[in-house]
N, C-alpha and C. Protein backbone atom coordinates (compact mmCIF):
# COMPACT_ATOMS: atom_id res chain seq x y z
N MET A 1 75.23 -53.03 10.63
CA MET A 1 76.58 -52.52 10.46
C MET A 1 76.81 -52.05 9.04
N LYS A 2 76.42 -52.89 8.04
CA LYS A 2 76.59 -52.50 6.64
C LYS A 2 75.79 -51.24 6.33
N PHE A 3 74.58 -51.15 6.91
CA PHE A 3 73.75 -49.98 6.68
C PHE A 3 74.42 -48.71 7.20
N ALA A 4 75.02 -48.80 8.39
CA ALA A 4 75.71 -47.64 8.98
C ALA A 4 76.87 -47.21 8.11
N VAL A 5 77.62 -48.16 7.56
CA VAL A 5 78.75 -47.84 6.69
C VAL A 5 78.23 -47.18 5.41
N LEU A 6 77.14 -47.75 4.86
CA LEU A 6 76.55 -47.19 3.64
C LEU A 6 76.08 -45.76 3.89
N VAL A 7 75.44 -45.50 5.01
CA VAL A 7 74.98 -44.15 5.35
C VAL A 7 76.18 -43.21 5.51
N ALA A 8 77.22 -43.68 6.18
CA ALA A 8 78.41 -42.85 6.37
C ALA A 8 79.05 -42.50 5.04
N VAL A 9 79.13 -43.46 4.13
CA VAL A 9 79.70 -43.21 2.80
C VAL A 9 78.83 -42.22 2.03
N ALA A 10 77.51 -42.39 2.11
CA ALA A 10 76.59 -41.48 1.41
C ALA A 10 76.70 -40.06 1.95
N VAL A 11 76.76 -39.93 3.28
CA VAL A 11 76.89 -38.60 3.89
C VAL A 11 78.21 -37.97 3.48
N ALA A 12 79.29 -38.74 3.48
CA ALA A 12 80.60 -38.21 3.09
C ALA A 12 80.57 -37.74 1.63
N ALA A 13 79.92 -38.52 0.76
CA ALA A 13 79.83 -38.12 -0.65
C ALA A 13 79.02 -36.83 -0.81
N LEU A 14 77.91 -36.73 -0.08
CA LEU A 14 77.11 -35.50 -0.15
C LEU A 14 77.90 -34.30 0.37
N LEU A 15 78.63 -34.49 1.46
CA LEU A 15 79.45 -33.40 1.98
C LEU A 15 80.50 -32.98 0.97
N GLN A 16 81.11 -33.97 0.29
CA GLN A 16 82.13 -33.65 -0.71
C GLN A 16 81.50 -32.86 -1.86
N LEU A 17 80.32 -33.28 -2.31
CA LEU A 17 79.64 -32.55 -3.38
C LEU A 17 79.28 -31.14 -2.93
N THR A 18 78.82 -31.02 -1.69
CA THR A 18 78.45 -29.71 -1.17
C THR A 18 79.68 -28.80 -1.11
N VAL A 19 80.79 -29.34 -0.65
CA VAL A 19 82.02 -28.54 -0.56
C VAL A 19 82.48 -28.16 -1.95
N GLN A 20 82.45 -29.11 -2.90
CA GLN A 20 82.86 -28.79 -4.26
C GLN A 20 81.97 -27.70 -4.83
N GLY A 21 80.66 -27.80 -4.59
CA GLY A 21 79.75 -26.78 -5.08
C GLY A 21 80.01 -25.43 -4.44
N ALA A 22 80.37 -25.46 -3.14
CA ALA A 22 80.66 -24.22 -2.44
C ALA A 22 81.94 -23.60 -2.97
N GLU A 23 82.92 -24.47 -3.35
CA GLU A 23 84.17 -23.95 -3.87
C GLU A 23 83.98 -23.29 -5.23
N ASN A 24 83.11 -23.83 -6.05
CA ASN A 24 82.89 -23.27 -7.38
C ASN A 24 81.40 -23.10 -7.63
N PRO A 25 80.84 -21.99 -7.16
CA PRO A 25 79.40 -21.77 -7.34
C PRO A 25 79.01 -21.53 -8.80
N CYS A 26 80.00 -21.38 -9.66
CA CYS A 26 79.74 -21.10 -11.07
C CYS A 26 79.71 -22.37 -11.93
N ALA A 27 80.06 -23.51 -11.33
CA ALA A 27 80.25 -24.75 -12.10
C ALA A 27 79.02 -25.15 -12.91
N ASN A 28 77.84 -24.89 -12.40
CA ASN A 28 76.63 -25.33 -13.10
C ASN A 28 76.00 -24.25 -13.98
N GLY A 29 76.63 -23.11 -14.06
CA GLY A 29 76.10 -22.04 -14.91
C GLY A 29 74.98 -21.25 -14.23
N PRO A 30 74.44 -20.27 -14.94
CA PRO A 30 73.40 -19.40 -14.37
C PRO A 30 72.15 -20.18 -13.97
N PRO A 31 71.41 -19.69 -12.97
CA PRO A 31 70.21 -20.38 -12.48
C PRO A 31 69.02 -20.25 -13.43
N VAL A 32 69.10 -19.32 -14.36
CA VAL A 32 67.99 -19.11 -15.32
C VAL A 32 68.55 -19.02 -16.73
N GLN A 33 67.73 -19.39 -17.70
CA GLN A 33 68.12 -19.29 -19.10
C GLN A 33 67.61 -17.95 -19.64
N LYS A 34 68.36 -16.91 -19.35
CA LYS A 34 67.97 -15.56 -19.75
C LYS A 34 69.18 -14.89 -20.36
N ASN A 35 68.99 -14.26 -21.49
CA ASN A 35 70.07 -13.51 -22.12
C ASN A 35 70.33 -12.26 -21.27
N PRO A 36 71.55 -12.11 -20.75
CA PRO A 36 71.85 -10.95 -19.90
C PRO A 36 71.55 -9.62 -20.58
N MET A 37 71.68 -9.56 -21.91
CA MET A 37 71.42 -8.31 -22.62
C MET A 37 69.93 -7.93 -22.57
N GLU A 38 69.06 -8.90 -22.29
CA GLU A 38 67.64 -8.60 -22.11
C GLU A 38 67.39 -7.95 -20.76
N CYS A 39 68.32 -8.14 -19.83
CA CYS A 39 68.20 -7.55 -18.50
C CYS A 39 68.89 -6.19 -18.43
N CYS A 40 70.06 -6.13 -19.04
CA CYS A 40 70.84 -4.90 -19.02
C CYS A 40 71.67 -4.83 -20.29
N ASN A 41 71.36 -3.88 -21.11
CA ASN A 41 72.09 -3.72 -22.37
C ASN A 41 73.39 -2.98 -22.08
N THR A 42 74.37 -3.75 -21.57
CA THR A 42 75.66 -3.16 -21.22
C THR A 42 76.40 -2.75 -22.49
N PRO A 43 77.22 -1.73 -22.39
CA PRO A 43 77.95 -1.27 -23.59
C PRO A 43 78.98 -2.30 -24.05
N MET A 44 79.19 -2.37 -25.36
CA MET A 44 80.24 -3.21 -25.93
C MET A 44 81.55 -2.44 -25.82
N LEU A 45 82.38 -2.85 -24.88
CA LEU A 45 83.65 -2.16 -24.66
C LEU A 45 84.73 -2.63 -25.63
N MET A 46 84.55 -3.86 -26.12
CA MET A 46 85.50 -4.45 -27.07
C MET A 46 84.76 -4.66 -28.40
N ASP A 47 85.50 -4.60 -29.49
CA ASP A 47 84.92 -4.83 -30.80
C ASP A 47 84.28 -6.22 -30.85
N LYS A 48 83.00 -6.26 -31.18
CA LYS A 48 82.24 -7.51 -31.19
C LYS A 48 82.84 -8.54 -32.15
N ASP A 49 83.24 -8.11 -33.34
CA ASP A 49 83.80 -9.05 -34.33
C ASP A 49 85.12 -9.64 -33.85
N VAL A 50 85.95 -8.82 -33.23
CA VAL A 50 87.23 -9.30 -32.68
C VAL A 50 86.95 -10.37 -31.63
N MET A 51 86.02 -10.07 -30.73
CA MET A 51 85.74 -11.01 -29.64
C MET A 51 85.10 -12.30 -30.17
N MET A 52 84.29 -12.20 -31.20
CA MET A 52 83.71 -13.42 -31.80
C MET A 52 84.80 -14.27 -32.45
N ASP A 53 85.74 -13.64 -33.14
CA ASP A 53 86.86 -14.38 -33.72
C ASP A 53 87.65 -15.10 -32.62
N CYS A 54 87.89 -14.40 -31.53
CA CYS A 54 88.65 -15.00 -30.42
C CYS A 54 87.86 -16.13 -29.77
N TYR A 55 86.55 -15.96 -29.67
CA TYR A 55 85.71 -17.03 -29.11
C TYR A 55 85.77 -18.27 -30.01
N GLN A 56 85.75 -18.04 -31.33
CA GLN A 56 85.84 -19.16 -32.28
C GLN A 56 87.14 -19.93 -32.05
N LYS A 57 88.23 -19.22 -31.79
CA LYS A 57 89.53 -19.85 -31.60
C LYS A 57 89.66 -20.56 -30.25
N TYR A 58 89.12 -19.96 -29.19
CA TYR A 58 89.42 -20.44 -27.84
C TYR A 58 88.19 -20.81 -27.00
N GLY A 59 87.01 -20.76 -27.57
CA GLY A 59 85.80 -21.05 -26.81
C GLY A 59 85.77 -22.46 -26.22
N ASP A 60 86.11 -23.45 -27.04
CA ASP A 60 86.09 -24.83 -26.54
C ASP A 60 87.12 -25.03 -25.44
N GLN A 61 88.31 -24.47 -25.63
CA GLN A 61 89.34 -24.58 -24.60
C GLN A 61 88.87 -23.93 -23.30
N THR A 62 88.25 -22.77 -23.40
CA THR A 62 87.79 -22.06 -22.21
C THR A 62 86.75 -22.88 -21.46
N LYS A 63 85.84 -23.52 -22.19
CA LYS A 63 84.82 -24.36 -21.54
C LYS A 63 85.48 -25.51 -20.77
N LYS A 64 86.50 -26.12 -21.34
CA LYS A 64 87.22 -27.19 -20.64
C LYS A 64 87.92 -26.64 -19.40
N GLN A 65 88.55 -25.48 -19.54
CA GLN A 65 89.31 -24.90 -18.43
C GLN A 65 88.41 -24.54 -17.26
N MET A 66 87.19 -24.12 -17.54
CA MET A 66 86.28 -23.71 -16.46
C MET A 66 85.94 -24.88 -15.54
N LYS A 67 86.13 -26.10 -16.01
CA LYS A 67 85.83 -27.28 -15.20
C LYS A 67 87.02 -27.74 -14.37
N LEU A 68 88.17 -27.13 -14.59
CA LEU A 68 89.39 -27.53 -13.88
C LEU A 68 89.43 -26.93 -12.49
N GLU A 69 89.99 -27.68 -11.56
CA GLU A 69 90.17 -27.21 -10.19
C GLU A 69 91.51 -26.49 -10.07
N GLY A 70 91.71 -25.85 -8.95
CA GLY A 70 93.02 -25.27 -8.65
C GLY A 70 93.16 -23.82 -9.08
N VAL A 71 94.39 -23.42 -9.32
CA VAL A 71 94.71 -22.04 -9.68
C VAL A 71 93.95 -21.66 -10.96
N PRO A 72 93.24 -20.53 -10.95
CA PRO A 72 92.51 -20.12 -12.17
C PRO A 72 93.45 -19.92 -13.35
N ARG A 73 93.00 -20.38 -14.49
CA ARG A 73 93.78 -20.27 -15.72
C ARG A 73 93.45 -18.96 -16.42
N GLY A 74 94.35 -18.55 -17.29
CA GLY A 74 94.11 -17.35 -18.08
C GLY A 74 93.07 -17.60 -19.16
N CYS A 75 92.29 -16.61 -19.46
CA CYS A 75 91.27 -16.71 -20.50
C CYS A 75 91.88 -16.28 -21.83
N CYS A 76 92.07 -17.24 -22.71
CA CYS A 76 92.70 -16.94 -24.00
C CYS A 76 91.78 -16.12 -24.90
N ILE A 77 90.47 -16.19 -24.68
CA ILE A 77 89.55 -15.35 -25.45
C ILE A 77 89.85 -13.89 -25.14
N ALA A 78 89.99 -13.57 -23.85
CA ALA A 78 90.27 -12.20 -23.44
C ALA A 78 91.64 -11.75 -23.93
N GLU A 79 92.64 -12.61 -23.76
CA GLU A 79 93.99 -12.25 -24.20
C GLU A 79 94.02 -12.01 -25.71
N CYS A 80 93.35 -12.86 -26.45
CA CYS A 80 93.25 -12.72 -27.91
C CYS A 80 92.63 -11.37 -28.27
N GLY A 81 91.54 -11.01 -27.59
CA GLY A 81 90.87 -9.74 -27.86
C GLY A 81 91.74 -8.54 -27.56
N LEU A 82 92.44 -8.60 -26.44
CA LEU A 82 93.31 -7.48 -26.08
C LEU A 82 94.52 -7.41 -26.99
N ASN A 83 95.04 -8.57 -27.41
CA ASN A 83 96.14 -8.57 -28.39
C ASN A 83 95.68 -7.94 -29.70
N ALA A 84 94.50 -8.32 -30.16
CA ALA A 84 93.99 -7.83 -31.46
C ALA A 84 93.76 -6.33 -31.46
N THR A 85 93.49 -5.78 -30.29
CA THR A 85 93.23 -4.33 -30.20
C THR A 85 94.47 -3.55 -29.76
N GLY A 86 95.57 -4.26 -29.56
CA GLY A 86 96.81 -3.59 -29.16
C GLY A 86 96.84 -3.16 -27.71
N LEU A 87 95.94 -3.72 -26.88
CA LEU A 87 95.88 -3.31 -25.47
C LEU A 87 96.71 -4.20 -24.55
N TYR A 88 97.34 -5.23 -25.10
CA TYR A 88 98.04 -6.20 -24.27
C TYR A 88 99.37 -6.56 -24.91
N SER A 89 100.38 -6.72 -24.06
CA SER A 89 101.68 -7.16 -24.56
C SER A 89 102.50 -7.71 -23.40
N ASN A 90 102.98 -8.94 -23.56
CA ASN A 90 103.88 -9.57 -22.58
C ASN A 90 103.36 -9.53 -21.14
N GLY A 91 102.11 -9.90 -20.94
CA GLY A 91 101.57 -9.95 -19.59
C GLY A 91 101.18 -8.61 -19.02
N MET A 92 101.21 -7.57 -19.83
CA MET A 92 100.88 -6.22 -19.35
C MET A 92 99.74 -5.64 -20.18
N ILE A 93 98.79 -5.05 -19.50
CA ILE A 93 97.70 -4.34 -20.17
C ILE A 93 98.08 -2.87 -20.23
N LYS A 94 97.86 -2.29 -21.38
CA LYS A 94 98.13 -0.85 -21.55
C LYS A 94 96.90 -0.11 -20.99
N ARG A 95 96.99 0.20 -19.72
CA ARG A 95 95.85 0.73 -18.98
C ARG A 95 95.32 2.04 -19.57
N ASP A 96 96.20 2.96 -19.90
CA ASP A 96 95.74 4.24 -20.45
C ASP A 96 95.00 4.03 -21.78
N ASP A 97 95.55 3.17 -22.63
CA ASP A 97 94.90 2.89 -23.91
C ASP A 97 93.56 2.19 -23.70
N MET A 98 93.50 1.28 -22.73
CA MET A 98 92.24 0.60 -22.43
C MET A 98 91.20 1.60 -21.92
N THR A 99 91.62 2.48 -21.04
CA THR A 99 90.69 3.49 -20.51
C THR A 99 90.14 4.34 -21.65
N LYS A 100 91.01 4.77 -22.55
CA LYS A 100 90.57 5.59 -23.68
C LYS A 100 89.59 4.81 -24.56
N MET A 101 89.93 3.56 -24.89
CA MET A 101 89.04 2.77 -25.74
C MET A 101 87.68 2.53 -25.08
N PHE A 102 87.70 2.19 -23.80
CA PHE A 102 86.44 1.93 -23.10
C PHE A 102 85.61 3.21 -22.98
N MET A 103 86.25 4.32 -22.69
CA MET A 103 85.52 5.59 -22.57
C MET A 103 84.99 6.04 -23.93
N ASP A 104 85.75 5.80 -24.99
CA ASP A 104 85.25 6.10 -26.35
C ASP A 104 84.01 5.28 -26.67
N SER A 105 83.96 4.05 -26.17
CA SER A 105 82.81 3.18 -26.47
C SER A 105 81.53 3.65 -25.77
N VAL A 106 81.65 4.49 -24.75
CA VAL A 106 80.46 4.99 -24.05
C VAL A 106 80.31 6.51 -24.19
N LYS A 107 81.01 7.10 -25.17
CA LYS A 107 80.98 8.57 -25.30
C LYS A 107 79.57 9.11 -25.54
N ASP A 108 78.70 8.31 -26.13
CA ASP A 108 77.32 8.74 -26.38
C ASP A 108 76.35 8.13 -25.37
N MET A 109 76.87 7.63 -24.27
CA MET A 109 76.05 6.98 -23.24
C MET A 109 76.38 7.57 -21.88
N PRO A 110 75.88 8.77 -21.58
CA PRO A 110 76.25 9.43 -20.33
C PRO A 110 75.94 8.62 -19.08
N GLU A 111 74.93 7.78 -19.13
CA GLU A 111 74.57 6.98 -17.95
C GLU A 111 75.63 5.92 -17.62
N TRP A 112 76.52 5.62 -18.57
CA TRP A 112 77.55 4.61 -18.37
C TRP A 112 78.95 5.19 -18.13
N GLN A 113 79.17 6.44 -18.46
CA GLN A 113 80.53 6.98 -18.47
C GLN A 113 81.25 6.87 -17.13
N MET A 114 80.68 7.41 -16.08
CA MET A 114 81.33 7.37 -14.78
C MET A 114 81.42 5.92 -14.29
N LEU A 115 80.41 5.14 -14.55
CA LEU A 115 80.39 3.74 -14.12
C LEU A 115 81.52 2.94 -14.78
N VAL A 116 81.72 3.15 -16.07
CA VAL A 116 82.80 2.44 -16.78
C VAL A 116 84.16 2.87 -16.24
N ARG A 117 84.37 4.17 -16.10
CA ARG A 117 85.65 4.67 -15.59
C ARG A 117 85.94 4.14 -14.19
N ASP A 118 84.97 4.27 -13.29
CA ASP A 118 85.17 3.84 -11.91
C ASP A 118 85.33 2.33 -11.80
N THR A 119 84.56 1.59 -12.59
CA THR A 119 84.65 0.13 -12.55
C THR A 119 86.00 -0.34 -13.07
N LEU A 120 86.52 0.30 -14.10
CA LEU A 120 87.84 -0.08 -14.61
C LEU A 120 88.90 0.14 -13.53
N ASP A 121 88.80 1.26 -12.82
CA ASP A 121 89.74 1.50 -11.71
C ASP A 121 89.62 0.42 -10.64
N GLU A 122 88.39 0.06 -10.28
CA GLU A 122 88.16 -0.99 -9.28
C GLU A 122 88.73 -2.33 -9.76
N CYS A 123 88.55 -2.63 -11.03
CA CYS A 123 89.04 -3.91 -11.56
C CYS A 123 90.55 -3.98 -11.56
N PHE A 124 91.22 -2.88 -11.87
CA PHE A 124 92.69 -2.87 -11.80
C PHE A 124 93.16 -3.02 -10.36
N LYS A 125 92.48 -2.37 -9.41
CA LYS A 125 92.85 -2.51 -8.00
C LYS A 125 92.65 -3.96 -7.54
N MET A 126 91.55 -4.56 -7.96
CA MET A 126 91.29 -5.95 -7.60
C MET A 126 92.38 -6.85 -8.18
N ALA A 127 92.75 -6.62 -9.44
CA ALA A 127 93.79 -7.43 -10.08
C ALA A 127 95.13 -7.28 -9.35
N GLU A 128 95.44 -6.06 -8.94
CA GLU A 128 96.69 -5.83 -8.19
C GLU A 128 96.68 -6.61 -6.88
N SER A 129 95.52 -6.69 -6.24
CA SER A 129 95.44 -7.41 -4.96
C SER A 129 95.54 -8.92 -5.16
N LYS A 130 95.29 -9.41 -6.37
CA LYS A 130 95.35 -10.85 -6.66
C LYS A 130 96.55 -11.20 -7.55
N MET A 131 97.55 -10.34 -7.58
CA MET A 131 98.65 -10.54 -8.51
C MET A 131 99.40 -11.85 -8.30
N ASP A 132 99.52 -12.31 -7.06
CA ASP A 132 100.20 -13.60 -6.83
C ASP A 132 99.44 -14.73 -7.52
N GLU A 133 98.13 -14.75 -7.38
CA GLU A 133 97.30 -15.78 -8.02
C GLU A 133 97.34 -15.65 -9.54
N ILE A 134 97.31 -14.41 -10.04
CA ILE A 134 97.37 -14.18 -11.48
C ILE A 134 98.69 -14.67 -12.05
N GLU A 135 99.78 -14.34 -11.37
CA GLU A 135 101.10 -14.78 -11.84
C GLU A 135 101.23 -16.30 -11.77
N ALA A 136 100.64 -16.92 -10.75
CA ALA A 136 100.67 -18.39 -10.64
C ALA A 136 99.93 -19.01 -11.82
N GLY A 137 98.82 -18.40 -12.24
CA GLY A 137 98.08 -18.90 -13.39
C GLY A 137 98.87 -18.81 -14.68
N ALA A 138 99.72 -17.80 -14.78
CA ALA A 138 100.54 -17.62 -15.98
C ALA A 138 101.63 -18.68 -16.07
N MET A 139 101.96 -19.31 -14.94
CA MET A 139 103.05 -20.30 -14.90
C MET A 139 102.57 -21.74 -15.01
N LEU A 140 101.26 -21.94 -15.15
CA LEU A 140 100.72 -23.30 -15.21
C LEU A 140 101.19 -24.04 -16.45
N GLU A 141 101.22 -25.34 -16.34
CA GLU A 141 101.51 -26.22 -17.47
C GLU A 141 100.17 -26.65 -18.08
N PRO A 142 100.16 -26.95 -19.38
CA PRO A 142 98.91 -27.44 -19.99
C PRO A 142 98.41 -28.70 -19.27
N SER A 143 97.10 -28.79 -19.09
CA SER A 143 96.53 -29.95 -18.40
C SER A 143 95.77 -30.87 -19.36
N PHE A 144 95.65 -30.46 -20.62
CA PHE A 144 95.07 -31.35 -21.62
C PHE A 144 95.72 -31.03 -22.96
N GLU A 145 95.65 -32.00 -23.86
CA GLU A 145 96.32 -31.85 -25.15
C GLU A 145 95.78 -30.64 -25.91
N GLY A 146 96.69 -29.82 -26.40
CA GLY A 146 96.32 -28.65 -27.19
C GLY A 146 96.01 -27.41 -26.39
N GLU A 147 96.05 -27.50 -25.06
CA GLU A 147 95.74 -26.32 -24.24
C GLU A 147 96.84 -25.28 -24.38
N LYS A 148 96.41 -24.06 -24.68
CA LYS A 148 97.33 -22.92 -24.70
C LYS A 148 97.23 -22.23 -23.34
N ILE A 149 98.35 -21.90 -22.77
CA ILE A 149 98.35 -21.18 -21.49
C ILE A 149 98.43 -19.69 -21.79
N CYS A 150 97.44 -18.96 -21.34
CA CYS A 150 97.39 -17.51 -21.51
C CYS A 150 97.54 -16.85 -20.15
N HIS A 151 98.05 -15.64 -20.16
CA HIS A 151 98.23 -14.90 -18.91
C HIS A 151 96.84 -14.49 -18.39
N PRO A 152 96.56 -14.71 -17.11
CA PRO A 152 95.24 -14.43 -16.57
C PRO A 152 94.84 -12.95 -16.46
N ILE A 153 95.76 -12.02 -16.63
CA ILE A 153 95.42 -10.61 -16.39
C ILE A 153 94.31 -10.11 -17.32
N SER A 154 94.34 -10.50 -18.58
CA SER A 154 93.32 -10.03 -19.53
C SER A 154 91.93 -10.48 -19.11
N GLY A 155 91.81 -11.78 -18.83
CA GLY A 155 90.51 -12.31 -18.41
C GLY A 155 90.06 -11.75 -17.08
N THR A 156 91.01 -11.52 -16.18
CA THR A 156 90.67 -10.96 -14.87
C THR A 156 90.02 -9.59 -15.03
N ILE A 157 90.61 -8.74 -15.85
CA ILE A 157 90.07 -7.39 -16.03
C ILE A 157 88.75 -7.42 -16.81
N LEU A 158 88.70 -8.15 -17.92
CA LEU A 158 87.46 -8.17 -18.72
C LEU A 158 86.31 -8.85 -17.98
N ARG A 159 86.61 -9.92 -17.25
CA ARG A 159 85.56 -10.60 -16.47
C ARG A 159 85.04 -9.65 -15.39
N CYS A 160 85.95 -8.98 -14.71
CA CYS A 160 85.56 -8.02 -13.67
C CYS A 160 84.68 -6.92 -14.26
N MET A 161 85.07 -6.40 -15.41
CA MET A 161 84.27 -5.34 -16.04
C MET A 161 82.87 -5.85 -16.38
N GLY A 162 82.79 -7.00 -17.03
CA GLY A 162 81.48 -7.54 -17.41
C GLY A 162 80.58 -7.80 -16.22
N MET A 163 81.15 -8.44 -15.20
CA MET A 163 80.36 -8.76 -14.01
C MET A 163 79.88 -7.50 -13.31
N ASN A 164 80.78 -6.54 -13.11
CA ASN A 164 80.43 -5.35 -12.35
C ASN A 164 79.52 -4.39 -13.11
N LEU A 165 79.71 -4.26 -14.41
CA LEU A 165 78.81 -3.40 -15.17
C LEU A 165 77.39 -3.97 -15.17
N PHE A 166 77.29 -5.29 -15.24
CA PHE A 166 75.95 -5.90 -15.19
C PHE A 166 75.32 -5.70 -13.81
N VAL A 167 76.08 -5.96 -12.76
CA VAL A 167 75.57 -5.82 -11.39
C VAL A 167 75.17 -4.38 -11.08
N LYS A 168 75.95 -3.42 -11.61
CA LYS A 168 75.71 -2.00 -11.33
C LYS A 168 74.89 -1.32 -12.42
N CYS A 169 74.22 -2.09 -13.24
CA CYS A 169 73.46 -1.54 -14.35
C CYS A 169 72.58 -0.37 -13.89
N PRO A 170 72.67 0.78 -14.58
CA PRO A 170 71.85 1.94 -14.18
C PRO A 170 70.36 1.60 -14.19
N ALA A 171 69.65 2.17 -13.23
CA ALA A 171 68.22 1.88 -13.06
C ALA A 171 67.42 2.10 -14.35
N GLY A 172 67.74 3.14 -15.10
CA GLY A 172 67.00 3.43 -16.33
C GLY A 172 67.28 2.44 -17.45
N VAL A 173 68.30 1.61 -17.29
CA VAL A 173 68.68 0.65 -18.32
C VAL A 173 68.28 -0.77 -17.92
N TYR A 174 68.26 -1.04 -16.61
CA TYR A 174 68.00 -2.38 -16.09
C TYR A 174 66.52 -2.74 -16.22
N ASN A 175 66.25 -3.93 -16.73
CA ASN A 175 64.88 -4.45 -16.84
C ASN A 175 64.59 -5.34 -15.63
N GLU A 176 63.84 -4.82 -14.71
CA GLU A 176 63.52 -5.52 -13.46
C GLU A 176 62.60 -6.71 -13.75
N SER A 177 63.03 -7.91 -13.33
CA SER A 177 62.20 -9.12 -13.40
C SER A 177 62.83 -10.16 -12.49
N ASP A 178 62.07 -11.21 -12.16
CA ASP A 178 62.60 -12.27 -11.31
C ASP A 178 63.83 -12.92 -11.95
N ASP A 179 63.74 -13.24 -13.25
CA ASP A 179 64.86 -13.87 -13.94
C ASP A 179 66.09 -12.96 -13.95
N CYS A 180 65.87 -11.68 -14.24
CA CYS A 180 66.99 -10.74 -14.28
C CYS A 180 67.61 -10.56 -12.89
N ASN A 181 66.77 -10.53 -11.86
CA ASN A 181 67.29 -10.38 -10.50
C ASN A 181 68.10 -11.61 -10.09
N GLN A 182 67.65 -12.81 -10.49
CA GLN A 182 68.42 -14.03 -10.21
C GLN A 182 69.76 -14.00 -10.94
N LEU A 183 69.72 -13.54 -12.19
CA LEU A 183 70.94 -13.46 -12.98
C LEU A 183 71.90 -12.44 -12.37
N LYS A 184 71.35 -11.34 -11.86
CA LYS A 184 72.18 -10.31 -11.22
C LYS A 184 72.85 -10.87 -9.97
N GLU A 185 72.12 -11.62 -9.15
CA GLU A 185 72.70 -12.23 -7.95
C GLU A 185 73.80 -13.21 -8.33
N TYR A 186 73.55 -14.03 -9.34
CA TYR A 186 74.53 -15.01 -9.80
C TYR A 186 75.80 -14.29 -10.31
N SER A 187 75.58 -13.19 -11.03
CA SER A 187 76.73 -12.50 -11.63
C SER A 187 77.58 -11.74 -10.63
N LYS A 188 77.14 -11.64 -9.39
CA LYS A 188 77.97 -11.05 -8.35
C LYS A 188 79.15 -11.99 -8.02
N MET A 189 78.99 -13.29 -8.36
CA MET A 189 80.04 -14.27 -8.07
C MET A 189 80.64 -14.85 -9.35
N CYS A 190 79.86 -14.90 -10.41
CA CYS A 190 80.25 -15.67 -11.60
C CYS A 190 80.09 -14.85 -12.86
N PRO A 191 81.03 -15.02 -13.82
CA PRO A 191 80.90 -14.29 -15.08
C PRO A 191 79.76 -14.85 -15.92
N ILE A 192 78.99 -13.95 -16.53
CA ILE A 192 77.92 -14.38 -17.42
C ILE A 192 78.12 -13.83 -18.82
N MET A 193 79.04 -12.92 -18.98
CA MET A 193 79.23 -12.27 -20.28
C MET A 193 80.63 -12.46 -20.75
């Protein structure tokens, strides 16, 4: 009898872990230790120094937030970057300015131009379809001491851009390998950049 109860508890725990893993396939990080830029040298759409400064400010908070369950939180790194470049204000992204900045960043990269433009359009459409979830994330209360609540729209758009540009990397730019292919599959669901 005790053995049957122990087996039942073990099976229930495994099922719970499996369900949790299924709910958040990104929780454990990428399946390989490979720098995505070695697979696909995607264009820097945002100023690298600005984004590094924002990462310095909000990187630790973002790592903690990624482990939280429930409504997705806003990425303060992304919001900080868009604020610093003047592309964001009061929960709104200046889409025309963002399009211009992103297209300027690929003006000497013809293989990326149409892909960047089309992907940005796709990302805005995706964000519009998830606006209820995005707005719910903006209304969250801090869940740990010192947590800043940022509006999710910035992270939603930048994460979408990073994931999709990597997944759609032009053939002449993509470095085909087992590790890169695994990273590409992972990035279809989870942000890596």
